[in-house]
Amino acid sequence: MSDEYAAVKRGKLILKGDKPKAKKRKHKKAEKSEDSKVDEDCVRHGGWWKAAKIEDVTGSISIEFGNNTYISALDNGLFTIGAPHGDGEGPSPEEIFTAFPAGENKFALKSGYGKYLGVSKDGVVIGRSDAVGPMEQWEPVWQDGKTAILSSLNKFMSVNSEDSVVAENSMAGEQEFCSIRSNKSREVNKVVIPEEEQGDLAEVEVNYVKKFQKFQDKKLRVNDGSVSELKRAKLDGNLHETLLDRRSKMKADRYCK
């Protein structure tokens, strides 16, 4: 993945005697730019990104050997390497497969013809099975930033000199290195800490009191109990219940009476 490129904006010209205006703070935009790095490799492949763990190998995938060339299904149940694609292009329909989990660290592949990919005893990759058996299970291997796919016969998938897809070698080299690509959403569910819970436990309690307490006399009422009680509650997983109980004892909260 290449480095993020940032747009540079020219500042407004300041004349002599003018007082520079304070810059407006743009927290949200700054955070967004930091979190939105562009995956240029993904862009070059039409939105198809490299899988890096077994959990990524589900749904629609393509297997790329070389640069922008993918294995392609033929109507006779065999496979070849497709024609090169230009930058920004994804795989063709016959180069897209459906991946399913098939045991620990293994997956199965179904072609667009509705058949599962397996391997024959002579090492030819074939797609003629209606069900997943031992011969239709594949294992991805990731090491040192490179990817290879191991067949049930402990031979790695590759493309031979005749452009046929085979699994013949027990050692992975340049010929066996590939990229498993997916186009499913990569949205990451971030854990968002509520504003009230930011800070130490003493500050957290004050924040919650400010949020819920009535301010008839403009005085903030905080329970004078020990913070150690909150520490224990946090470890026990009942921090919110303890905070509610402490607020209720003050008899000043609109939700705790």
C-alpha atoms as a PDB file:
ATOM      1  CA  MET A   1       0.000   0.000   0.000  1.00  0.00           C
ATOM      2  CA  SER A   2       1.515   3.334  -1.015  1.00  0.00           C
ATOM      3  CA  ASP A   3       1.777   6.435   1.150  1.00  0.00           C
ATOM      4  CA  GLU A   4      -1.197   8.721   1.603  1.00  0.00           C
ATOM      5  CA  TYR A   5      -1.156  11.873  -0.491  1.00  0.00           C
ATOM      6  CA  ALA A   6      -2.408  15.049   1.150  1.00  0.00           C
ATOM      7  CA  ALA A   7      -3.697  18.094  -0.723  1.00  0.00           C
ATOM      8  CA  VAL A   8      -1.777  21.317  -0.003  1.00  0.00           C
ATOM      9  CA  LYS A   9      -3.799  24.535   0.159  1.00  0.00           C
ATOM     10  CA  ARG A  10      -2.291  28.001  -0.152  1.00  0.00           C
ATOM     11  CA  GLY A  11      -3.035  30.321   2.764  1.00  0.00           C
ATOM     12  CA  LYS A  12      -4.700  33.693   2.327  1.00  0.00           C
ATOM     13  CA  LEU A  13      -2.296  36.572   1.693  1.00  0.00           C
ATOM     14  CA  ILE A  14      -1.867  38.678   4.864  1.00  0.00           C
ATOM     15  CA  LEU A  15      -1.242  42.389   4.274  1.00  0.00           C
ATOM     16  CA  LYS A  16       0.904  44.518   6.543  1.00  0.00           C
ATOM     17  CA  GLY A  17      -1.100  45.820   9.465  1.00  0.00           C
ATOM     18  CA  ASP A  18      -3.752  43.102   9.232  1.00  0.00           C
ATOM     19  CA  LYS A  19      -4.159  40.834  12.184  1.00  0.00           C
ATOM     20  CA  PRO A  20      -4.212  37.193  11.207  1.00  0.00           C
ATOM     21  CA  LYS A  21      -7.475  35.558  12.106  1.00  0.00           C
ATOM     22  CA  ALA A  22      -7.474  32.510  14.298  1.00  0.00           C
ATOM     23  CA  LYS A  23      -7.742  29.314  12.338  1.00  0.00           C
ATOM     24  CA  LYS A  24     -10.918  27.365  12.774  1.00  0.00           C
ATOM     25  CA  ARG A  25     -10.438  23.949  14.264  1.00  0.00           C
ATOM     26  CA  LYS A  26     -11.593  21.144  12.023  1.00  0.00           C
ATOM     27  CA  HIS A  27     -11.366  18.056  14.180  1.00  0.00           C
ATOM     28  CA  LYS A  28     -13.713  15.912  12.165  1.00  0.00           C
ATOM     29  CA  LYS A  29     -12.045  16.586   8.828  1.00  0.00           C
ATOM     30  CA  ALA A  30      -8.590  16.030  10.271  1.00  0.00           C
ATOM     31  CA  GLU A  31      -9.622  12.737  11.809  1.00  0.00           C
ATOM     32  CA  LYS A  32     -11.249  11.674   8.564  1.00  0.00           C
ATOM     33  CA  SER A  33      -8.121  12.371   6.509  1.00  0.00           C
ATOM     34  CA  GLU A  34      -5.983  10.399   8.938  1.00  0.00           C
ATOM     35  CA  ASP A  35      -8.307   7.399   8.847  1.00  0.00           C
ATOM     36  CA  SER A  36      -8.917   7.337   5.084  1.00  0.00           C
ATOM     37  CA  LYS A  37      -5.700   6.146   3.513  1.00  0.00           C
ATOM     38  CA  VAL A  38      -6.098   5.227  -0.136  1.00  0.00           C
ATOM     39  CA  ASP A  39      -5.335   1.625  -1.092  1.00  0.00           C
ATOM     40  CA  GLU A  40      -3.884   2.337  -4.513  1.00  0.00           C
ATOM     41  CA  ASP A  41      -3.354  -1.357  -5.234  1.00  0.00           C
ATOM     42  CA  CYS A  42      -7.084  -1.867  -4.685  1.00  0.00           C
ATOM     43  CA  VAL A  43      -7.891   1.082  -6.978  1.00  0.00           C
ATOM     44  CA  ARG A  44      -5.675  -0.350  -9.746  1.00  0.00           C
ATOM     45  CA  HIS A  45      -7.624  -3.603  -9.521  1.00  0.00           C
ATOM     46  CA  GLY A  46     -11.071  -2.071  -9.798  1.00  0.00           C
ATOM     47  CA  GLY A  47     -11.878  -2.195  -6.080  1.00  0.00           C
ATOM     48  CA  TRP A  48     -10.595  -5.741  -5.511  1.00  0.00           C
ATOM     49  CA  TRP A  49      -8.263  -5.816  -2.486  1.00  0.00           C
ATOM     50  CA  LYS A  50      -5.749  -8.401  -1.298  1.00  0.00           C
ATOM     51  CA  ALA A  51      -6.940 -10.883   1.299  1.00  0.00           C
ATOM     52  CA  ALA A  52      -4.514 -11.257   4.206  1.00  0.00           C
ATOM     53  CA  LYS A  53      -6.265 -13.745   6.500  1.00  0.00           C
ATOM     54  CA  ILE A  54      -8.611 -16.706   6.206  1.00  0.00           C
ATOM     55  CA  GLU A  55     -11.599 -14.615   7.348  1.00  0.00           C
ATOM     56  CA  ASP A  56     -11.188 -12.518   4.186  1.00  0.00           C
ATOM     57  CA  VAL A  57     -11.645 -15.534   1.907  1.00  0.00           C
ATOM     58  CA  THR A  58     -15.438 -15.628   1.746  1.00  0.00           C
ATOM     59  CA  GLY A  59     -17.946 -14.547  -0.849  1.00  0.00           C
ATOM     60  CA  SER A  60     -16.791 -13.333  -4.234  1.00  0.00           C
ATOM     61  CA  ILE A  61     -13.056 -13.706  -4.781  1.00  0.00           C
ATOM     62  CA  SER A  62     -10.559 -13.826  -7.648  1.00  0.00           C
ATOM     63  CA  ILE A  63      -7.100 -15.348  -7.775  1.00  0.00           C
ATOM     64  CA  GLU A  64      -4.478 -13.208  -9.470  1.00  0.00           C
ATOM     65  CA  PHE A  65      -1.242 -14.626 -10.867  1.00  0.00           C
ATOM     66  CA  GLY A  66       1.141 -12.063 -12.299  1.00  0.00           C
ATOM     67  CA  ASN A  67      -0.121  -8.514 -12.785  1.00  0.00           C
ATOM     68  CA  ASN A  68      -3.851  -7.967 -13.391  1.00  0.00           C
ATOM     69  CA  THR A  69      -4.306 -11.500 -14.749  1.00  0.00           C
ATOM     70  CA  TYR A  70      -6.665 -13.922 -13.021  1.00  0.00           C
ATOM     71  CA  ILE A  71      -7.433 -17.616 -13.283  1.00  0.00           C
ATOM     72  CA  SER A  72     -10.474 -18.112 -15.483  1.00  0.00           C
ATOM     73  CA  ALA A  73     -13.019 -20.937 -15.609  1.00  0.00           C
ATOM     74  CA  LEU A  74     -13.592 -22.819 -18.869  1.00  0.00           C
ATOM     75  CA  ASP A  75     -16.828 -24.600 -19.755  1.00  0.00           C
ATOM     76  CA  ASN A  76     -15.047 -27.982 -19.801  1.00  0.00           C
ATOM     77  CA  GLY A  77     -14.240 -27.835 -16.085  1.00  0.00           C
ATOM     78  CA  LEU A  78     -10.622 -26.747 -16.536  1.00  0.00           C
ATOM     79  CA  PHE A  79      -8.978 -23.416 -15.756  1.00  0.00           C
ATOM     80  CA  THR A  80      -6.585 -21.093 -17.515  1.00  0.00           C
ATOM     81  CA  ILE A  81      -5.073 -17.663 -16.970  1.00  0.00           C
ATOM     82  CA  GLY A  82      -7.204 -14.873 -18.379  1.00  0.00           C
ATOM     83  CA  ALA A  83      -6.152 -11.946 -20.546  1.00  0.00           C
ATOM     84  CA  PRO A  84      -4.486  -8.988 -18.775  1.00  0.00           C
ATOM     85  CA  HIS A  85      -6.744  -6.230 -17.483  1.00  0.00           C
ATOM     86  CA  GLY A  86      -5.951  -2.539 -17.583  1.00  0.00           C
ATOM     87  CA  ASP A  87      -5.501  -0.383 -14.492  1.00  0.00           C
ATOM     88  CA  GLY A  88      -8.793   0.256 -12.743  1.00  0.00           C
ATOM     89  CA  GLU A  89     -10.416  -2.885 -14.140  1.00  0.00           C
ATOM     90  CA  GLY A  90     -11.599  -5.752 -11.995  1.00  0.00           C
ATOM     91  CA  PRO A  91     -11.827  -9.418 -12.984  1.00  0.00           C
ATOM     92  CA  SER A  92     -14.283 -10.667 -15.602  1.00  0.00           C
ATOM     93  CA  PRO A  93     -17.322 -12.784 -14.583  1.00  0.00           C
ATOM     94  CA  GLU A  94     -15.595 -16.063 -15.498  1.00  0.00           C
ATOM     95  CA  GLU A  95     -12.688 -15.013 -13.265  1.00  0.00           C
ATOM     96  CA  ILE A  96     -14.880 -14.561 -10.178  1.00  0.00           C
ATOM     97  CA  PHE A  97     -15.440 -17.465  -7.777  1.00  0.00           C
ATOM     98  CA  THR A  98     -17.455 -17.944  -4.625  1.00  0.00           C
ATOM     99  CA  ALA A  99     -15.482 -18.945  -1.527  1.00  0.00           C
ATOM    100  CA  PHE A 100     -16.849 -20.888   1.451  1.00  0.00           C
ATOM    101  CA  PRO A 101     -15.206 -21.901   4.749  1.00  0.00           C
ATOM    102  CA  ALA A 102     -14.178 -25.575   4.646  1.00  0.00           C
ATOM    103  CA  GLY A 103     -12.675 -26.432   8.000  1.00  0.00           C
ATOM    104  CA  GLU A 104      -9.916 -24.791   9.992  1.00  0.00           C
ATOM    105  CA  ASN A 105      -7.863 -22.402   7.826  1.00  0.00           C
ATOM    106  CA  LYS A 106      -9.304 -23.901   4.627  1.00  0.00           C
ATOM    107  CA  PHE A 107     -11.816 -22.830   2.016  1.00  0.00           C
ATOM    108  CA  ALA A 108     -13.730 -24.216  -0.943  1.00  0.00           C
ATOM    109  CA  LEU A 109     -14.271 -22.477  -4.273  1.00  0.00           C
ATOM    110  CA  LYS A 110     -17.245 -22.631  -6.600  1.00  0.00           C
ATOM    111  CA  SER A 111     -16.925 -21.465 -10.195  1.00  0.00           C
ATOM    112  CA  GLY A 112     -19.531 -19.544 -12.146  1.00  0.00           C
ATOM    113  CA  TYR A 113     -20.560 -22.870 -13.674  1.00  0.00           C
ATOM    114  CA  GLY A 114     -21.732 -24.029 -10.245  1.00  0.00           C
ATOM    115  CA  LYS A 115     -18.966 -26.586  -9.723  1.00  0.00           C
ATOM    116  CA  TYR A 116     -16.402 -26.809  -6.935  1.00  0.00           C
ATOM    117  CA  LEU A 117     -12.697 -26.521  -7.679  1.00  0.00           C
ATOM    118  CA  GLY A 118     -10.583 -29.531  -6.819  1.00  0.00           C
ATOM    119  CA  VAL A 119      -7.385 -31.163  -7.957  1.00  0.00           C
ATOM    120  CA  SER A 120      -6.856 -34.393  -9.856  1.00  0.00           C
ATOM    121  CA  LYS A 121      -4.255 -36.966  -8.835  1.00  0.00           C
ATOM    122  CA  ASP A 122      -1.976 -35.755 -11.631  1.00  0.00           C
ATOM    123  CA  GLY A 123      -2.097 -32.190 -10.305  1.00  0.00           C
ATOM    124  CA  VAL A 124      -4.567 -30.539 -12.668  1.00  0.00           C
ATOM    125  CA  VAL A 125      -7.015 -28.090 -11.108  1.00  0.00           C
ATOM    126  CA  ILE A 126     -10.523 -29.096 -12.157  1.00  0.00           C
ATOM    127  CA  GLY A 127     -14.011 -27.784 -11.414  1.00  0.00           C
ATOM    128  CA  ARG A 128     -16.449 -30.655 -11.927  1.00  0.00           C
ATOM    129  CA  SER A 129     -17.637 -31.544  -8.433  1.00  0.00           C
ATOM    130  CA  ASP A 130     -21.147 -30.876  -7.097  1.00  0.00           C
ATOM    131  CA  ALA A 131     -20.045 -31.170  -3.474  1.00  0.00           C
ATOM    132  CA  VAL A 132     -17.065 -30.364  -1.273  1.00  0.00           C
ATOM    133  CA  GLY A 133     -14.869 -33.323  -0.387  1.00  0.00           C
ATOM    134  CA  PRO A 134     -11.230 -33.582   0.730  1.00  0.00           C
ATOM    135  CA  MET A 135      -9.994 -32.888  -2.818  1.00  0.00           C
ATOM    136  CA  GLU A 136     -11.995 -29.640  -2.989  1.00  0.00           C
ATOM    137  CA  GLN A 137     -10.385 -28.042   0.058  1.00  0.00           C
ATOM    138  CA  TRP A 138      -7.688 -25.386  -0.305  1.00  0.00           C
ATOM    139  CA  GLU A 139      -5.464 -23.744   2.270  1.00  0.00           C
ATOM    140  CA  PRO A 140      -4.077 -20.203   1.887  1.00  0.00           C
ATOM    141  CA  VAL A 141      -0.532 -19.642   3.114  1.00  0.00           C
ATOM    142  CA  TRP A 142       0.670 -16.137   3.941  1.00  0.00           C
ATOM    143  CA  GLN A 143       4.331 -15.511   4.671  1.00  0.00           C
ATOM    144  CA  ASP A 144       6.623 -12.488   4.317  1.00  0.00           C
ATOM    145  CA  GLY A 145       3.910 -10.543   2.509  1.00  0.00           C
ATOM    146  CA  LYS A 146       3.397 -13.257  -0.117  1.00  0.00           C
ATOM    147  CA  THR A 147       0.490 -15.607  -0.724  1.00  0.00           C
ATOM    148  CA  ALA A 148       0.277 -19.185  -2.021  1.00  0.00           C
ATOM    149  CA  ILE A 149      -2.592 -21.684  -2.144  1.00  0.00           C
ATOM    150  CA  LEU A 150      -2.028 -25.262  -1.022  1.00  0.00           C
ATOM    151  CA  SER A 151      -4.101 -28.128  -2.445  1.00  0.00           C
ATOM    152  CA  SER A 152      -5.274 -31.217  -0.575  1.00  0.00           C
ATOM    153  CA  LEU A 153      -2.299 -33.078  -2.111  1.00  0.00           C
ATOM    154  CA  ASN A 154       0.096 -30.600  -0.417  1.00  0.00           C
ATOM    155  CA  LYS A 155       1.033 -29.041  -3.752  1.00  0.00           C
ATOM    156  CA  PHE A 156       0.771 -25.331  -4.477  1.00  0.00           C
ATOM    157  CA  MET A 157      -1.470 -23.857  -7.147  1.00  0.00           C
ATOM    158  CA  SER A 158       0.282 -22.231 -10.118  1.00  0.00           C
ATOM    159  CA  VAL A 159      -0.036 -21.575 -13.839  1.00  0.00           C
ATOM    160  CA  ASN A 160       2.187 -23.700 -16.103  1.00  0.00           C
ATOM    161  CA  SER A 161       3.842 -22.783 -19.393  1.00  0.00           C
ATOM    162  CA  GLU A 162       0.687 -23.770 -21.303  1.00  0.00           C
ATOM    163  CA  ASP A 163      -1.420 -21.329 -19.244  1.00  0.00           C
ATOM    164  CA  SER A 164      -3.208 -24.184 -17.460  1.00  0.00           C
ATOM    165  CA  VAL A 165      -3.915 -23.962 -13.727  1.00  0.00           C
ATOM    166  CA  VAL A 166      -2.213 -26.815 -11.876  1.00  0.00           C
ATOM    167  CA  ALA A 167      -1.004 -27.795  -8.400  1.00  0.00           C
ATOM    168  CA  GLU A 168       2.277 -29.584  -8.935  1.00  0.00           C
ATOM    169  CA  ASN A 169       5.025 -28.181  -6.701  1.00  0.00           C
ATOM    170  CA  SER A 170       5.439 -28.894  -2.991  1.00  0.00           C
ATOM    171  CA  MET A 171       7.563 -25.745  -2.571  1.00  0.00           C
ATOM    172  CA  ALA A 172       6.225 -22.255  -3.214  1.00  0.00           C
ATOM    173  CA  GLY A 173       8.302 -19.997  -5.445  1.00  0.00           C
ATOM    174  CA  GLU A 174       7.656 -17.048  -7.745  1.00  0.00           C
ATOM    175  CA  GLN A 175       5.483 -19.210  -9.991  1.00  0.00           C
ATOM    176  CA  GLU A 176       3.237 -20.154  -7.066  1.00  0.00           C
ATOM    177  CA  PHE A 177       2.887 -16.674  -5.549  1.00  0.00           C
ATOM    178  CA  CYS A 178      -0.525 -15.141  -6.144  1.00  0.00           C
ATOM    179  CA  SER A 179      -3.030 -12.660  -4.712  1.00  0.00           C
ATOM    180  CA  ILE A 180      -6.418 -13.714  -3.402  1.00  0.00           C
ATOM    181  CA  ARG A 181      -8.654 -10.718  -4.023  1.00  0.00           C
ATOM    182  CA  SER A 182     -12.051  -9.758  -2.626  1.00  0.00           C
ATOM    183  CA  ASN A 183     -14.423  -6.890  -3.331  1.00  0.00           C
ATOM    184  CA  LYS A 184     -16.576  -7.125  -0.208  1.00  0.00           C
ATOM    185  CA  SER A 185     -16.826  -4.186   2.161  1.00  0.00           C
ATOM    186  CA  ARG A 186     -13.851  -3.656   4.445  1.00  0.00           C
ATOM    187  CA  GLU A 187     -15.606  -1.330   6.891  1.00  0.00           C
ATOM    188  CA  VAL A 188     -14.102  -1.690  10.326  1.00  0.00           C
ATOM    189  CA  ASN A 189     -16.383  -1.387  13.319  1.00  0.00           C
ATOM    190  CA  LYS A 190     -14.527   1.008  15.578  1.00  0.00           C
ATOM    191  CA  VAL A 191     -15.189   1.042  19.296  1.00  0.00           C
ATOM    192  CA  VAL A 192     -16.442   4.542  20.033  1.00  0.00           C
ATOM    193  CA  ILE A 193     -15.920   5.714  23.611  1.00  0.00           C
ATOM    194  CA  PRO A 194     -18.787   7.972  24.700  1.00  0.00           C
ATOM    195  CA  GLU A 195     -17.745  11.505  25.576  1.00  0.00           C
ATOM    196  CA  GLU A 196     -18.971  10.960  29.137  1.00  0.00           C
ATOM    197  CA  GLU A 197     -16.528   8.059  29.608  1.00  0.00           C
ATOM    198  CA  GLN A 198     -13.406   9.866  28.461  1.00  0.00           C
ATOM    199  CA  GLY A 199     -10.923  10.598  31.246  1.00  0.00           C
ATOM    200  CA  ASP A 200     -10.181   8.920  34.571  1.00  0.00           C
ATOM    201  CA  LEU A 201     -12.950   7.411  36.707  1.00  0.00           C
ATOM    202  CA  ALA A 202     -13.344  10.512  38.852  1.00  0.00           C
ATOM    203  CA  GLU A 203     -13.852  12.612  35.719  1.00  0.00           C
ATOM    204  CA  VAL A 204     -16.237  10.007  34.302  1.00  0.00           C
ATOM    205  CA  GLU A 205     -18.461  10.289  37.366  1.00  0.00           C
ATOM    206  CA  VAL A 206     -18.495  14.084  37.129  1.00  0.00           C
ATOM    207  CA  ASN A 207     -19.368  13.857  33.428  1.00  0.00           C
ATOM    208  CA  TYR A 208     -22.357  11.630  34.118  1.00  0.00           C
ATOM    209  CA  VAL A 209     -23.519  13.840  36.964  1.00  0.00           C
ATOM    210  CA  LYS A 210     -23.376  16.868  34.650  1.00  0.00           C
ATOM    211  CA  LYS A 211     -25.352  14.980  32.037  1.00  0.00           C
ATOM    212  CA  PHE A 212     -28.210  13.842  34.256  1.00  0.00           C
ATOM    213  CA  GLN A 213     -28.343  16.117  37.301  1.00  0.00           C
ATOM    214  CA  LYS A 214     -30.900  18.878  37.675  1.00  0.00           C
ATOM    215  CA  PHE A 215     -29.313  22.274  38.246  1.00  0.00           C
ATOM    216  CA  GLN A 216     -31.998  24.150  40.139  1.00  0.00           C
ATOM    217  CA  ASP A 217     -29.417  25.803  42.397  1.00  0.00           C
ATOM    218  CA  LYS A 218     -26.546  25.641  39.886  1.00  0.00           C
ATOM    219  CA  LYS A 219     -24.575  23.413  42.256  1.00  0.00           C
ATOM    220  CA  LEU A 220     -22.964  20.203  41.101  1.00  0.00           C
ATOM    221  CA  ARG A 221     -23.543  17.311  43.506  1.00  0.00           C
ATOM    222  CA  VAL A 222     -21.089  14.429  43.223  1.00  0.00           C
ATOM    223  CA  ASN A 223     -21.058  11.379  45.462  1.00  0.00           C
ATOM    224  CA  ASP A 224     -18.183  11.603  47.940  1.00  0.00           C
ATOM    225  CA  GLY A 225     -17.589   7.847  47.870  1.00  0.00           C
ATOM    226  CA  SER A 226     -14.164   6.391  47.125  1.00  0.00           C
ATOM    227  CA  VAL A 227     -12.994   6.101  43.514  1.00  0.00           C
ATOM    228  CA  SER A 228     -11.777   2.604  44.408  1.00  0.00           C
ATOM    229  CA  GLU A 229     -15.432   1.531  44.329  1.00  0.00           C
ATOM    230  CA  LEU A 230     -15.602   2.636  40.688  1.00  0.00           C
ATOM    231  CA  LYS A 231     -12.371   0.807  39.880  1.00  0.00           C
ATOM    232  CA  ARG A 232     -13.785  -2.419  41.266  1.00  0.00           C
ATOM    233  CA  ALA A 233     -17.035  -1.871  39.381  1.00  0.00           C
ATOM    234  CA  LYS A 234     -15.182  -1.350  36.117  1.00  0.00           C
ATOM    235  CA  LEU A 235     -13.267  -4.606  36.603  1.00  0.00           C
ATOM    236  CA  ASP A 236     -16.496  -6.415  37.446  1.00  0.00           C
ATOM    237  CA  GLY A 237     -18.237  -4.993  34.368  1.00  0.00           C
ATOM    238  CA  ASN A 238     -20.930  -3.053  36.234  1.00  0.00           C
ATOM    239  CA  LEU A 239     -19.546   0.495  36.120  1.00  0.00           C
ATOM    240  CA  HIS A 240     -22.748   2.051  34.772  1.00  0.00           C
ATOM    241  CA  GLU A 241     -24.884   0.401  37.458  1.00  0.00           C
ATOM    242  CA  THR A 242     -22.539   1.648  40.177  1.00  0.00           C
ATOM    243  CA  LEU A 243     -22.553   5.187  38.794  1.00  0.00           C
ATOM    244  CA  LEU A 244     -26.356   5.112  38.718  1.00  0.00           C
ATOM    245  CA  ASP A 245     -26.483   3.893  42.304  1.00  0.00           C
ATOM    246  CA  ARG A 246     -24.084   6.609  43.476  1.00  0.00           C
ATOM    247  CA  ARG A 247     -26.111   9.276  41.687  1.00  0.00           C
ATOM    248  CA  SER A 248     -29.365   7.966  43.138  1.00  0.00           C
ATOM    249  CA  LYS A 249     -27.983   8.367  46.641  1.00  0.00           C
ATOM    250  CA  MET A 250     -27.541  12.080  45.952  1.00  0.00           C
ATOM    251  CA  LYS A 251     -31.304  12.348  45.155  1.00  0.00           C
ATOM    252  CA  ALA A 252     -30.691  15.063  42.613  1.00  0.00           C
ATOM    253  CA  ASP A 253     -30.895  13.236  39.287  1.00  0.00           C
ATOM    254  CA  ARG A 254     -33.916  13.318  37.027  1.00  0.00           C
ATOM    255  CA  TYR A 255     -33.469   9.601  36.218  1.00  0.00           C
ATOM    256  CA  CYS A 256     -32.467   8.364  39.684  1.00  0.00           C
ATOM    257  CA  LYS A 257     -35.266   9.450  42.013  1.00  0.00           C
END
